[in-house]
C-alpha atoms as a PDB file:
ATOM      1  CA  MET A   1     144.446  48.519  85.495  1.00  0.00           C
ATOM      2  CA  SER A   2     146.752  50.381  82.533  1.00  0.00           C
ATOM      3  CA  SER A   3     146.026  54.296  82.176  1.00  0.00           C
ATOM      4  CA  MET A   4     144.841  53.283  79.200  1.00  0.00           C
ATOM      5  CA  GLY A   5     142.197  50.999  80.471  1.00  0.00           C
ATOM      6  CA  ALA A   6     141.249  53.945  83.777  1.00  0.00           C
ATOM      7  CA  SER A   7     140.550  56.568  80.858  1.00  0.00           C
ATOM      8  CA  LEU A   8     138.125  54.097  79.117  1.00  0.00           C
ATOM      9  CA  VAL A   9     136.174  53.597  82.857  1.00  0.00           C
ATOM     10  CA  LEU A  10     136.725  56.760  83.221  1.00  0.00           C
ATOM     11  CA  GLY A  11     134.962  58.300  80.440  1.00  0.00           C
ATOM     12  CA  LEU A  12     132.324  55.647  79.659  1.00  0.00           C
ATOM     13  CA  ALA A  13     131.640  56.288  83.750  1.00  0.00           C
ATOM     14  CA  ALA A  14     131.473  59.799  83.300  1.00  0.00           C
ATOM     15  CA  THR A  15     129.038  59.773  79.732  1.00  0.00           C
ATOM     16  CA  ALA A  16     126.287  57.692  81.459  1.00  0.00           C
ATOM     17  CA  ALA A  17     126.542  59.664  84.761  1.00  0.00           C
ATOM     18  CA  THR A  18     125.784  62.433  82.783  1.00  0.00           C
ATOM     19  CA  TYR A  19     123.652  60.578  80.889  1.00  0.00           C
ATOM     20  CA  LEU A  20     121.478  59.462  83.620  1.00  0.00           C
ATOM     21  CA  GLY A  21     121.510  62.702  85.626  1.00  0.00           C
ATOM     22  CA  VAL A  22     120.497  64.869  83.128  1.00  0.00           C
ATOM     23  CA  GLY A  23     117.854  62.799  82.497  1.00  0.00           C
ATOM     24  CA  ARG A  24     116.500  62.983  86.146  1.00  0.00           C
ATOM     25  CA  PHE A  25     117.167  66.874  86.230  1.00  0.00           C
ATOM     26  CA  CYS A  26     115.107  67.165  83.264  1.00  0.00           C
ATOM     27  CA  ARG A  27     112.149  65.416  85.011  1.00  0.00           C
ATOM     28  CA  TRP A  28     113.071  67.727  87.894  1.00  0.00           C
ATOM     29  CA  ALA A  29     113.155  70.926  85.947  1.00  0.00           C
ATOM     30  CA  GLU A  30     109.701  70.197  84.698  1.00  0.00           C
ATOM     31  CA  HIS A  31     108.066  69.799  87.772  1.00  0.00           C
ATOM     32  CA  ARG A  32     109.666  73.163  89.229  1.00  0.00           C
ATOM     33  CA  GLN A  33     108.108  75.047  86.327  1.00  0.00           C
ATOM     34  CA  MET A  34     112.440  75.734  85.130  1.00  0.00           C
ATOM     35  CA  LEU A  35     111.882  76.122  81.502  1.00  0.00           C
ATOM     36  CA  ASP A  36     113.142  78.188  79.331  1.00  0.00           C
ATOM     37  CA  VAL A  37     109.597  79.786  77.365  1.00  0.00           C
ATOM     38  CA  PRO A  38     110.161  81.000  73.753  1.00  0.00           C
ATOM     39  CA  ASN A  39     110.590  84.839  72.893  1.00  0.00           C
ATOM     40  CA  GLU A  40     111.426  86.230  70.047  1.00  0.00           C
ATOM     41  CA  ARG A  41     114.916  86.107  70.251  1.00  0.00           C
ATOM     42  CA  SER A  42     114.882  82.266  70.696  1.00  0.00           C
ATOM     43  CA  SER A  43     115.090  79.147  68.642  1.00  0.00           C
ATOM     44  CA  HIS A  44     113.045  76.942  70.428  1.00  0.00           C
ATOM     45  CA  THR A  45     109.256  77.042  69.586  1.00  0.00           C
ATOM     46  CA  ARG A  46     107.969  75.070  72.895  1.00  0.00           C
ATOM     47  CA  PRO A  47     109.037  76.006  76.585  1.00  0.00           C
ATOM     48  CA  THR A  48     112.237  73.507  77.336  1.00  0.00           C
ATOM     49  CA  PRO A  49     113.948  72.600  80.682  1.00  0.00           C
ATOM     50  CA  ARG A  50     116.911  74.407  81.255  1.00  0.00           C
ATOM     51  CA  GLY A  51     119.892  74.169  83.645  1.00  0.00           C
ATOM     52  CA  GLY A  52     121.091  70.931  82.384  1.00  0.00           C
ATOM     53  CA  GLY A  53     124.411  71.980  82.339  1.00  0.00           C
ATOM     54  CA  LEU A  54     124.720  71.792  86.473  1.00  0.00           C
ATOM     55  CA  VAL A  55     124.852  68.237  85.851  1.00  0.00           C
ATOM     56  CA  ILE A  56     128.221  68.665  83.418  1.00  0.00           C
ATOM     57  CA  ALA A  57     130.029  71.072  86.472  1.00  0.00           C
ATOM     58  CA  ALA A  58     129.040  68.563  89.279  1.00  0.00           C
ATOM     59  CA  VAL A  59     130.540  65.415  87.050  1.00  0.00           C
ATOM     60  CA  THR A  60     133.657  67.408  85.934  1.00  0.00           C
ATOM     61  CA  LEU A  61     134.525  68.787  89.146  1.00  0.00           C
ATOM     62  CA  LEU A  62     134.148  65.162  90.987  1.00  0.00           C
ATOM     63  CA  GLY A  63     136.013  63.016  88.060  1.00  0.00           C
ATOM     64  CA  ALA A  64     138.877  65.810  88.260  1.00  0.00           C
ATOM     65  CA  ALA A  65     139.171  65.776  92.184  1.00  0.00           C
ATOM     66  CA  THR A  66     139.663  62.213  91.642  1.00  0.00           C
ATOM     67  CA  ILE A  67     142.864  62.392  89.421  1.00  0.00           C
ATOM     68  CA  ALA A  68     143.822  64.594  91.786  1.00  0.00           C
ATOM     69  CA  GLY A  69     142.641  62.091  94.927  1.00  0.00           C
ATOM     70  CA  VAL A  70     144.619  59.509  92.874  1.00  0.00           C
ATOM     71  CA  VAL A  71     148.348  61.690  92.724  1.00  0.00           C
ATOM     72  CA  PRO A  72     148.332  63.938  95.245  1.00  0.00           C
ATOM     73  CA  SER A  73     150.596  66.286  94.163  1.00  0.00           C
ATOM     74  CA  LEU A  74     148.289  67.701  91.683  1.00  0.00           C
ATOM     75  CA  TRP A  75     145.886  69.289  94.019  1.00  0.00           C
ATOM     76  CA  SER A  76     147.983  72.819  94.350  1.00  0.00           C
ATOM     77  CA  VAL A  77     146.952  72.643  90.599  1.00  0.00           C
ATOM     78  CA  PHE A  78     143.584  71.452  90.655  1.00  0.00           C
ATOM     79  CA  LEU A  79     142.381  74.049  93.732  1.00  0.00           C
ATOM     80  CA  PRO A  80     142.288  77.306  91.961  1.00  0.00           C
ATOM     81  CA  TYR A  81     140.764  75.773  88.648  1.00  0.00           C
ATOM     82  CA  ALA A  82     138.026  73.970  90.787  1.00  0.00           C
ATOM     83  CA  ALA A  83     137.915  77.562  92.995  1.00  0.00           C
ATOM     84  CA  GLY A  84     136.914  79.773  90.011  1.00  0.00           C
ATOM     85  CA  ALA A  85     135.182  77.190  88.059  1.00  0.00           C
ATOM     86  CA  VAL A  86     132.663  76.307  91.509  1.00  0.00           C
ATOM     87  CA  LEU A  87     132.621  80.462  91.942  1.00  0.00           C
ATOM     88  CA  VAL A  88     131.113  80.611  88.015  1.00  0.00           C
ATOM     89  CA  ALA A  89     128.974  77.825  87.979  1.00  0.00           C
ATOM     90  CA  VAL A  90     127.162  78.768  91.679  1.00  0.00           C
ATOM     91  CA  VAL A  91     126.512  82.224  89.971  1.00  0.00           C
ATOM     92  CA  SER A  92     125.485  81.029  86.709  1.00  0.00           C
ATOM     93  CA  TRP A  93     122.828  78.301  88.162  1.00  0.00           C
ATOM     94  CA  PHE A  94     121.515  81.438  90.162  1.00  0.00           C
ATOM     95  CA  GLU A  95     121.427  83.444  86.535  1.00  0.00           C
ATOM     96  CA  ASP A  96     119.078  80.273  85.026  1.00  0.00           C
ATOM     97  CA  LEU A  97     116.858  80.551  88.025  1.00  0.00           C
ATOM     98  CA  HIS A  98     116.308  84.333  88.557  1.00  0.00           C
ATOM     99  CA  SER A  99     117.988  87.039  86.125  1.00  0.00           C
ATOM    100  CA  ILE A 100     120.947  89.112  88.210  1.00  0.00           C
ATOM    101  CA  PRO A 101     123.026  92.212  87.511  1.00  0.00           C
ATOM    102  CA  ARG A 102     125.244  92.385  84.603  1.00  0.00           C
ATOM    103  CA  SER A 103     127.770  93.292  86.388  1.00  0.00           C
ATOM    104  CA  VAL A 104     127.349  90.582  89.029  1.00  0.00           C
ATOM    105  CA  ARG A 105     128.095  87.627  86.376  1.00  0.00           C
ATOM    106  CA  PHE A 106     131.123  89.699  84.924  1.00  0.00           C
ATOM    107  CA  ALA A 107     133.124  90.019  88.660  1.00  0.00           C
ATOM    108  CA  ALA A 108     132.348  86.230  89.120  1.00  0.00           C
ATOM    109  CA  HIS A 109     134.261  85.865  86.103  1.00  0.00           C
ATOM    110  CA  LEU A 110     136.811  88.446  87.016  1.00  0.00           C
ATOM    111  CA  LEU A 111     137.352  86.869  90.269  1.00  0.00           C
ATOM    112  CA  GLY A 112     137.403  83.374  88.559  1.00  0.00           C
ATOM    113  CA  ALA A 113     140.718  84.367  86.647  1.00  0.00           C
ATOM    114  CA  HIS A 114     142.431  85.739  89.291  1.00  0.00           C
ATOM    115  CA  ALA A 115     142.244  82.472  91.411  1.00  0.00           C
ATOM    116  CA  ALA A 116     143.511  80.691  88.327  1.00  0.00           C
ATOM    117  CA  ILE A 117     146.487  83.109  87.703  1.00  0.00           C
ATOM    118  CA  LEU A 118     147.026  83.106  91.258  1.00  0.00           C
ATOM    119  CA  GLY A 119     147.263  79.549  92.120  1.00  0.00           C
ATOM    120  CA  LEU A 120     148.747  79.114  88.090  1.00  0.00           C
ATOM    121  CA  GLY A 121     150.423  81.532  86.906  1.00  0.00           C
ATOM    122  CA  TYR A 122     149.757  84.154  83.702  1.00  0.00           C
ATOM    123  CA  TRP A 123     151.499  84.065  80.341  1.00  0.00           C
ATOM    124  CA  ARG A 124     155.042  85.668  79.987  1.00  0.00           C
ATOM    125  CA  THR A 125     155.823  84.479  76.452  1.00  0.00           C
ATOM    126  CA  ILE A 126     153.185  83.050  74.075  1.00  0.00           C
ATOM    127  CA  SER A 127     154.443  81.622  70.776  1.00  0.00           C
ATOM    128  CA  LEU A 128     151.814  82.706  67.851  1.00  0.00           C
ATOM    129  CA  PRO A 129     151.866  81.837  64.108  1.00  0.00           C
ATOM    130  CA  PHE A 130     153.947  84.054  62.122  1.00  0.00           C
ATOM    131  CA  LEU A 131     155.130  86.148  64.703  1.00  0.00           C
ATOM    132  CA  GLY A 132     156.922  83.462  67.004  1.00  0.00           C
ATOM    133  CA  ALA A 133     158.006  83.755  70.825  1.00  0.00           C
ATOM    134  CA  VAL A 134     156.230  87.324  71.717  1.00  0.00           C
ATOM    135  CA  SER A 135     156.992  88.326  75.607  1.00  0.00           C
ATOM    136  CA  LEU A 136     154.170  90.115  76.977  1.00  0.00           C
ATOM    137  CA  GLY A 137     156.166  90.552  80.319  1.00  0.00           C
ATOM    138  CA  ARG A 138     153.461  92.120  83.506  1.00  0.00           C
ATOM    139  CA  TRP A 139     151.005  92.587  80.457  1.00  0.00           C
ATOM    140  CA  GLY A 140     150.236  88.777  80.219  1.00  0.00           C
ATOM    141  CA  ILE A 141     148.276  89.078  83.580  1.00  0.00           C
ATOM    142  CA  ALA A 142     145.318  91.522  81.080  1.00  0.00           C
ATOM    143  CA  VAL A 143     146.150  89.179  78.371  1.00  0.00           C
ATOM    144  CA  THR A 144     144.973  86.146  80.347  1.00  0.00           C
ATOM    145  CA  ALA A 145     142.357  87.423  82.704  1.00  0.00           C
ATOM    146  CA  LEU A 146     141.280  88.621  79.030  1.00  0.00           C
ATOM    147  CA  TRP A 147     140.722  85.759  77.808  1.00  0.00           C
ATOM    148  CA  ILE A 148     139.543  83.534  80.271  1.00  0.00           C
ATOM    149  CA  VAL A 149     136.471  86.370  80.876  1.00  0.00           C
ATOM    150  CA  GLY A 150     136.570  86.579  77.414  1.00  0.00           C
ATOM    151  CA  LEU A 151     135.958  82.853  76.493  1.00  0.00           C
ATOM    152  CA  THR A 152     134.054  81.699  79.525  1.00  0.00           C
ATOM    153  CA  ASN A 153     131.363  84.441  78.188  1.00  0.00           C
ATOM    154  CA  ALA A 154     132.077  83.923  74.615  1.00  0.00           C
ATOM    155  CA  TYR A 155     130.974  80.697  75.099  1.00  0.00           C
ATOM    156  CA  ASN A 156     128.109  81.474  76.956  1.00  0.00           C
ATOM    157  CA  PHE A 157     127.130  83.804  74.031  1.00  0.00           C
ATOM    158  CA  MET A 158     127.552  81.048  71.320  1.00  0.00           C
ATOM    159  CA  ASP A 159     124.986  78.474  73.590  1.00  0.00           C
ATOM    160  CA  GLY A 160     121.678  79.357  71.648  1.00  0.00           C
ATOM    161  CA  THR A 161     120.365  76.561  69.576  1.00  0.00           C
ATOM    162  CA  ASP A 162     120.967  72.569  70.040  1.00  0.00           C
ATOM    163  CA  GLY A 163     123.766  70.989  70.735  1.00  0.00           C
ATOM    164  CA  ILE A 164     125.768  73.761  69.804  1.00  0.00           C
ATOM    165  CA  ALA A 165     128.002  73.931  72.402  1.00  0.00           C
ATOM    166  CA  ALA A 166     127.977  70.714  73.795  1.00  0.00           C
ATOM    167  CA  SER A 167     129.447  69.451  70.294  1.00  0.00           C
ATOM    168  CA  GLN A 168     132.183  71.791  70.617  1.00  0.00           C
ATOM    169  CA  ALA A 169     133.099  70.843  73.759  1.00  0.00           C
ATOM    170  CA  LEU A 170     133.107  67.329  72.852  1.00  0.00           C
ATOM    171  CA  VAL A 171     135.622  68.238  70.297  1.00  0.00           C
ATOM    172  CA  ALA A 172     137.799  70.211  72.487  1.00  0.00           C
ATOM    173  CA  GLY A 173     137.827  67.886  75.070  1.00  0.00           C
ATOM    174  CA  ILE A 174     139.070  65.135  72.716  1.00  0.00           C
ATOM    175  CA  GLY A 175     141.193  67.283  71.675  1.00  0.00           C
ATOM    176  CA  TRP A 176     142.543  68.617  75.345  1.00  0.00           C
ATOM    177  CA  ALA A 177     142.589  64.818  76.247  1.00  0.00           C
ATOM    178  CA  LEU A 178     145.248  63.417  73.226  1.00  0.00           C
ATOM    179  CA  LEU A 179     147.103  66.785  73.659  1.00  0.00           C
ATOM    180  CA  GLY A 180     147.502  66.396  78.380  1.00  0.00           C
ATOM    181  CA  CYS A 181     148.252  62.021  77.308  1.00  0.00           C
ATOM    182  CA  THR A 182     151.172  62.745  74.938  1.00  0.00           C
ATOM    183  CA  ALA A 183     152.079  65.570  77.254  1.00  0.00           C
ATOM    184  CA  GLY A 184     152.015  63.249  80.362  1.00  0.00           C
ATOM    185  CA  GLN A 185     149.783  65.339  82.261  1.00  0.00           C
ATOM    186  CA  PRO A 186     147.405  63.420  83.899  1.00  0.00           C
ATOM    187  CA  LEU A 187     145.168  66.448  85.119  1.00  0.00           C
ATOM    188  CA  VAL A 188     145.250  68.151  81.616  1.00  0.00           C
ATOM    189  CA  SER A 189     144.383  64.692  79.753  1.00  0.00           C
ATOM    190  CA  GLY A 190     141.592  64.041  82.590  1.00  0.00           C
ATOM    191  CA  ILE A 191     139.951  67.320  82.023  1.00  0.00           C
ATOM    192  CA  GLY A 192     139.929  67.099  79.006  1.00  0.00           C
ATOM    193  CA  LEU A 193     138.310  63.318  78.935  1.00  0.00           C
ATOM    194  CA  LEU A 194     135.668  64.259  81.516  1.00  0.00           C
ATOM    195  CA  ILE A 195     134.529  67.449  79.259  1.00  0.00           C
ATOM    196  CA  ALA A 196     134.342  65.298  76.051  1.00  0.00           C
ATOM    197  CA  ALA A 197     132.654  62.736  78.102  1.00  0.00           C
ATOM    198  CA  CYS A 198     130.193  64.524  80.335  1.00  0.00           C
ATOM    199  CA  SER A 199     129.167  66.469  76.609  1.00  0.00           C
ATOM    200  CA  LEU A 200     128.371  63.797  74.717  1.00  0.00           C
ATOM    201  CA  GLY A 201     125.999  62.425  77.834  1.00  0.00           C
ATOM    202  CA  PHE A 202     124.494  65.207  77.700  1.00  0.00           C
ATOM    203  CA  LEU A 203     123.989  64.972  74.244  1.00  0.00           C
ATOM    204  CA  GLY A 204     122.020  62.340  74.449  1.00  0.00           C
ATOM    205  CA  HIS A 205     119.560  65.058  75.680  1.00  0.00           C
ATOM    206  CA  ASN A 206     120.272  67.882  74.171  1.00  0.00           C
ATOM    207  CA  TRP A 207     120.855  66.749  70.122  1.00  0.00           C
ATOM    208  CA  PRO A 208     118.116  68.141  67.910  1.00  0.00           C
ATOM    209  CA  PRO A 209     115.478  68.453  69.115  1.00  0.00           C
ATOM    210  CA  ALA A 210     116.412  69.331  72.348  1.00  0.00           C
ATOM    211  CA  ARG A 211     115.342  67.996  75.415  1.00  0.00           C
ATOM    212  CA  ILE A 212     116.900  70.356  77.726  1.00  0.00           C
ATOM    213  CA  PHE A 213     119.133  72.875  77.659  1.00  0.00           C
ATOM    214  CA  MET A 214     122.292  73.544  79.880  1.00  0.00           C
ATOM    215  CA  GLY A 215     121.811  77.047  80.407  1.00  0.00           C
ATOM    216  CA  ASP A 216     124.266  79.244  81.827  1.00  0.00           C
ATOM    217  CA  VAL A 217     125.816  77.451  84.284  1.00  0.00           C
ATOM    218  CA  GLY A 218     126.585  74.708  81.669  1.00  0.00           C
ATOM    219  CA  SER A 219     128.171  77.304  79.251  1.00  0.00           C
ATOM    220  CA  ALA A 220     129.707  79.311  81.473  1.00  0.00           C
ATOM    221  CA  PHE A 221     131.419  76.318  83.090  1.00  0.00           C
ATOM    222  CA  LEU A 222     132.518  74.741  80.091  1.00  0.00           C
ATOM    223  CA  GLY A 223     134.674  78.164  79.208  1.00  0.00           C
ATOM    224  CA  TYR A 224     136.184  78.853  81.830  1.00  0.00           C
ATOM    225  CA  THR A 225     136.864  74.800  81.623  1.00  0.00           C
ATOM    226  CA  LEU A 226     138.568  75.316  78.432  1.00  0.00           C
ATOM    227  CA  ALA A 227     140.248  78.198  78.785  1.00  0.00           C
ATOM    228  CA  ILE A 228     142.009  77.293  81.907  1.00  0.00           C
ATOM    229  CA  LEU A 229     143.000  74.454  80.262  1.00  0.00           C
ATOM    230  CA  PRO A 230     145.920  75.385  78.123  1.00  0.00           C
ATOM    231  CA  LEU A 231     147.189  77.469  81.492  1.00  0.00           C
ATOM    232  CA  MET A 232     147.247  74.453  83.469  1.00  0.00           C
ATOM    233  CA  TYR A 233     149.392  72.745  80.785  1.00  0.00           C
ATOM    234  CA  GLY A 234     151.745  75.547  80.549  1.00  0.00           C
ATOM    235  CA  PHE A 235     151.962  75.464  84.258  1.00  0.00           C
ATOM    236  CA  PHE A 236     153.357  71.737  84.019  1.00  0.00           C
ATOM    237  CA  ASP A 237     155.048  72.496  80.965  1.00  0.00           C
ATOM    238  CA  ARG A 238     157.045  75.690  81.037  1.00  0.00           C
ATOM    239  CA  LYS A 239     158.385  75.391  77.756  1.00  0.00           C
ATOM    240  CA  GLY A 240     154.999  75.049  76.563  1.00  0.00           C
ATOM    241  CA  THR A 241     154.859  78.519  75.135  1.00  0.00           C
ATOM    242  CA  GLY A 242     152.058  77.763  72.456  1.00  0.00           C
ATOM    243  CA  ALA A 243     149.930  76.874  74.989  1.00  0.00           C
ATOM    244  CA  PRO A 244     147.311  79.829  74.368  1.00  0.00           C
ATOM    245  CA  ALA A 245     147.562  79.202  70.440  1.00  0.00           C
ATOM    246  CA  VAL A 246     147.025  75.123  70.858  1.00  0.00           C
ATOM    247  CA  GLY A 247     143.679  76.737  73.414  1.00  0.00           C
ATOM    248  CA  LEU A 248     142.473  79.074  71.028  1.00  0.00           C
ATOM    249  CA  LEU A 249     142.393  77.023  68.077  1.00  0.00           C
ATOM    250  CA  LEU A 250     140.463  74.048  69.603  1.00  0.00           C
ATOM    251  CA  VAL A 251     137.415  76.830  70.442  1.00  0.00           C
ATOM    252  CA  TRP A 252     138.124  78.916  67.323  1.00  0.00           C
ATOM    253  CA  PRO A 253     134.621  78.739  65.748  1.00  0.00           C
ATOM    254  CA  PHE A 254     132.845  80.187  68.574  1.00  0.00           C
ATOM    255  CA  VAL A 255     136.027  82.784  69.296  1.00  0.00           C
ATOM    256  CA  PHE A 256     136.522  83.933  65.446  1.00  0.00           C
ATOM    257  CA  ASP A 257     131.829  83.721  65.644  1.00  0.00           C
ATOM    258  CA  ALA A 258     131.995  86.173  68.501  1.00  0.00           C
ATOM    259  CA  ALA A 259     134.387  88.304  67.793  1.00  0.00           C
ATOM    260  CA  PHE A 260     133.267  88.482  64.120  1.00  0.00           C
ATOM    261  CA  THR A 261     129.353  89.574  65.590  1.00  0.00           C
ATOM    262  CA  PHE A 262     131.296  91.910  68.643  1.00  0.00           C
ATOM    263  CA  VAL A 263     132.974  93.969  65.740  1.00  0.00           C
ATOM    264  CA  ARG A 264     129.782  94.059  63.173  1.00  0.00           C
ATOM    265  CA  ARG A 265     127.381  95.525  65.509  1.00  0.00           C
ATOM    266  CA  PHE A 266     129.862  98.589  67.102  1.00  0.00           C
ATOM    267  CA  LEU A 267     130.843  99.073  63.310  1.00  0.00           C
ATOM    268  CA  ARG A 268     127.001  99.655  62.481  1.00  0.00           C
ATOM    269  CA  ARG A 269     126.765 101.129  66.036  1.00  0.00           C
ATOM    270  CA  GLU A 270     124.813  99.828  67.904  1.00  0.00           C
ATOM    271  CA  ASN A 271     124.252  98.150  71.369  1.00  0.00           C
ATOM    272  CA  VAL A 272     126.944  95.504  71.427  1.00  0.00           C
ATOM    273  CA  PHE A 273     125.893  94.308  75.050  1.00  0.00           C
ATOM    274  CA  ALA A 274     121.783  94.392  74.224  1.00  0.00           C
ATOM    275  CA  PRO A 275     120.179  90.677  73.503  1.00  0.00           C
ATOM    276  CA  HIS A 276     120.736  89.883  69.645  1.00  0.00           C
ATOM    277  CA  ARG A 277     120.332  87.120  66.824  1.00  0.00           C
ATOM    278  CA  SER A 278     122.668  88.713  64.550  1.00  0.00           C
ATOM    279  CA  HIS A 279     125.313  85.544  65.217  1.00  0.00           C
ATOM    280  CA  LEU A 280     126.482  83.829  62.270  1.00  0.00           C
ATOM    281  CA  TYR A 281     124.923  80.196  63.890  1.00  0.00           C
ATOM    282  CA  GLN A 282     121.900  82.159  64.527  1.00  0.00           C
ATOM    283  CA  ARG A 283     121.330  83.710  61.378  1.00  0.00           C
ATOM    284  CA  MET A 284     121.929  80.411  59.511  1.00  0.00           C
ATOM    285  CA  THR A 285     119.389  78.605  62.024  1.00  0.00           C
ATOM    286  CA  SER A 286     116.956  81.740  61.078  1.00  0.00           C
ATOM    287  CA  ALA A 287     117.481  80.782  57.228  1.00  0.00           C
ATOM    288  CA  HIS A 288     115.745  77.192  58.080  1.00  0.00           C
ATOM    289  CA  SER A 289     119.434  75.627  57.572  1.00  0.00           C
ATOM    290  CA  GLY A 290     118.431  73.394  60.699  1.00  0.00           C
ATOM    291  CA  HIS A 291     119.951  72.547  64.341  1.00  0.00           C
ATOM    292  CA  ALA A 292     121.824  69.281  63.343  1.00  0.00           C
ATOM    293  CA  LEU A 293     123.875  70.918  60.799  1.00  0.00           C
ATOM    294  CA  VAL A 294     124.222  73.970  62.338  1.00  0.00           C
ATOM    295  CA  ALA A 295     126.359  71.698  65.300  1.00  0.00           C
ATOM    296  CA  LEU A 296     127.728  69.353  62.563  1.00  0.00           C
ATOM    297  CA  ILE A 297     129.075  72.623  60.931  1.00  0.00           C
ATOM    298  CA  TYR A 298     130.699  74.014  63.736  1.00  0.00           C
ATOM    299  CA  ALA A 299     132.166  70.572  65.681  1.00  0.00           C
ATOM    300  CA  GLY A 300     133.441  70.117  61.794  1.00  0.00           C
ATOM    301  CA  LEU A 301     135.486  73.264  62.149  1.00  0.00           C
ATOM    302  CA  ALA A 302     136.040  72.962  65.478  1.00  0.00           C
ATOM    303  CA  ALA A 303     137.713  69.255  64.604  1.00  0.00           C
ATOM    304  CA  ALA A 304     140.058  71.183  62.131  1.00  0.00           C
ATOM    305  CA  GLY A 305     141.028  73.571  64.537  1.00  0.00           C
ATOM    306  CA  GLY A 306     141.950  70.294  66.766  1.00  0.00           C
ATOM    307  CA  ALA A 307     143.764  69.046  63.697  1.00  0.00           C
ATOM    308  CA  LEU A 308     146.263  71.754  63.824  1.00  0.00           C
ATOM    309  CA  ALA A 309     146.897  72.375  67.615  1.00  0.00           C
ATOM    310  CA  GLN A 310     148.057  68.702  67.167  1.00  0.00           C
ATOM    311  CA  VAL A 311     150.457  69.871  64.941  1.00  0.00           C
ATOM    312  CA  TRP A 312     151.284  73.255  66.735  1.00  0.00           C
ATOM    313  CA  SER A 313     151.404  71.500  69.971  1.00  0.00           C
ATOM    314  CA  THR A 314     154.842  69.309  68.264  1.00  0.00           C
ATOM    315  CA  ARG A 315     156.613  72.162  67.860  1.00  0.00           C
ATOM    316  CA  VAL A 316     156.482  71.306  63.515  1.00  0.00           C
ATOM    317  CA  ALA A 317     155.871  75.261  63.034  1.00  0.00           C
ATOM    318  CA  ASP A 318     155.801  75.076  59.266  1.00  0.00           C
ATOM    319  CA  GLY A 319     152.404  73.276  59.215  1.00  0.00           C
ATOM    320  CA  ALA A 320     151.191  74.665  61.752  1.00  0.00           C
ATOM    321  CA  VAL A 321     151.289  78.085  59.978  1.00  0.00           C
ATOM    322  CA  SER A 322     150.397  77.287  56.828  1.00  0.00           C
ATOM    323  CA  GLY A 323     147.154  75.308  58.009  1.00  0.00           C
ATOM    324  CA  VAL A 324     146.206  78.456  59.891  1.00  0.00           C
ATOM    325  CA  LEU A 325     146.080  80.504  56.945  1.00  0.00           C
ATOM    326  CA  ALA A 326     143.440  78.096  56.358  1.00  0.00           C
ATOM    327  CA  LEU A 327     141.223  79.206  59.229  1.00  0.00           C
ATOM    328  CA  PRO A 328     139.921  82.232  57.789  1.00  0.00           C
ATOM    329  CA  ALA A 329     139.268  81.162  54.583  1.00  0.00           C
ATOM    330  CA  LEU A 330     137.050  78.736  56.331  1.00  0.00           C
ATOM    331  CA  PHE A 331     135.231  81.843  58.252  1.00  0.00           C
ATOM    332  CA  LEU A 332     134.774  83.149  55.455  1.00  0.00           C
ATOM    333  CA  GLY A 333     133.287  80.960  53.977  1.00  0.00           C
ATOM    334  CA  LEU A 334     130.620  80.151  56.922  1.00  0.00           C
ATOM    335  CA  TRP A 335     130.012  83.553  56.590  1.00  0.00           C
ATOM    336  CA  ALA A 336     128.968  83.133  53.055  1.00  0.00           C
ATOM    337  CA  PHE A 337     127.150  80.135  52.828  1.00  0.00           C
ATOM    338  CA  ALA A 338     125.074  82.491  56.023  1.00  0.00           C
ATOM    339  CA  VAL A 339     124.449  84.809  53.751  1.00  0.00           C
ATOM    340  CA  ALA A 340     123.734  82.821  50.959  1.00  0.00           C
ATOM    341  CA  ARG A 341     121.007  81.108  53.179  1.00  0.00           C
ATOM    342  CA  GLU A 342     119.166  84.072  54.531  1.00  0.00           C
ATOM    343  CA  HIS A 343     119.334  85.697  50.487  1.00  0.00           C
ATOM    344  CA  ARG A 344     117.621  82.066  49.438  1.00  0.00           C
ATOM    345  CA  LEU A 345     115.224  82.324  52.362  1.00  0.00           C
ATOM    346  CA  ALA A 346     114.202  86.179  51.448  1.00  0.00           C
ATOM    347  CA  CYS A 347     113.722  85.228  47.507  1.00  0.00           C
ATOM    348  CA  SER A 348     111.993  82.254  48.207  1.00  0.00           C
ATOM    349  CA  THR A 349     109.377  83.427  50.397  1.00  0.00           C
ATOM    350  CA  GLY A 350     108.812  86.668  48.221  1.00  0.00           C
ATOM    351  CA  ALA A 351     111.010  89.417  50.152  1.00  0.00           C
ATOM    352  CA  GLN A 352     112.919  91.782  48.169  1.00  0.00           C
ATOM    353  CA  CYS A 353     116.535  89.868  47.412  1.00  0.00           C
ATOM    354  CA  ILE A 354     118.580  92.170  48.959  1.00  0.00           C
ATOM    355  CA  HIS A 355     122.327  91.060  49.882  1.00  0.00           C
ATOM    356  CA  LYS A 356     123.020  91.007  53.519  1.00  0.00           C
ATOM    357  CA  SER A 357     125.829  91.267  55.261  1.00  0.00           C
END
């Protein structure tokens, strides 16, 4: 069977396995009363099963292990990733079942980052738009760990409305599948394909109105995996110093929203670790933009980043740099859209029409 045919079989099998597995999990979660009950910060209005991301993690890891089994030389790369991913998923699963201290979650994420760095190394030099090659030296360990832990948590923070996390993973997974295929990296392309296929299968149950949520086990696992893929890409291609920029471009809407909200709350002297509903995607859904529209907007923004990632990966620096200039403009447009929706809602309900930033 050709590599294209094998990829098609793998993708279809992962999509079907996830869709069917999540369907069974949904019934089990309802029977066990494993439900996400709405509160004042929720964007849903009825108790909904959670934790369906466990199926995404299981199918992805099983599929990646199959790829490593076909190409035994990949085991040394797969095992460090799998060790960290399993640790993050297990701790997040316990978080879905019973709330656990924030310190325990953070420690698990740090250990997951440590496992990846031990097995795959860290970024000593990275190439960035406008700056070119930047030497990190030993600081690369801290930068790599911050990236892994930061994206794992950012992805978890951003999973707060129907379809948004799975659709973002679908786009990013397709991007990594194409990049890995172009670079001749079967494990990178395979994991990217699995992430995309599993996310598509999950969206069959999670697209608005969602019948099940992926929970922390799904969002943390996806965030961790998407953080490790650029590290894995650089492991196979030591000249691939642009891998961090590629990884960022494929998930930039989540990173920008999380960072923007963190800075905004910090400047307002709010407790940045306290639960809230001030992410831009939350503000849009609260302003009656609709879950589906918000998910599609973020998926579209991710696709724009994916197109730039493809350009950057081919080392066509001029095209990438000029394209990256568009991202802040796109994000400012997203912010302006959220503010406008809030302003219109306030006026339509008779509230005082004020400009909110």
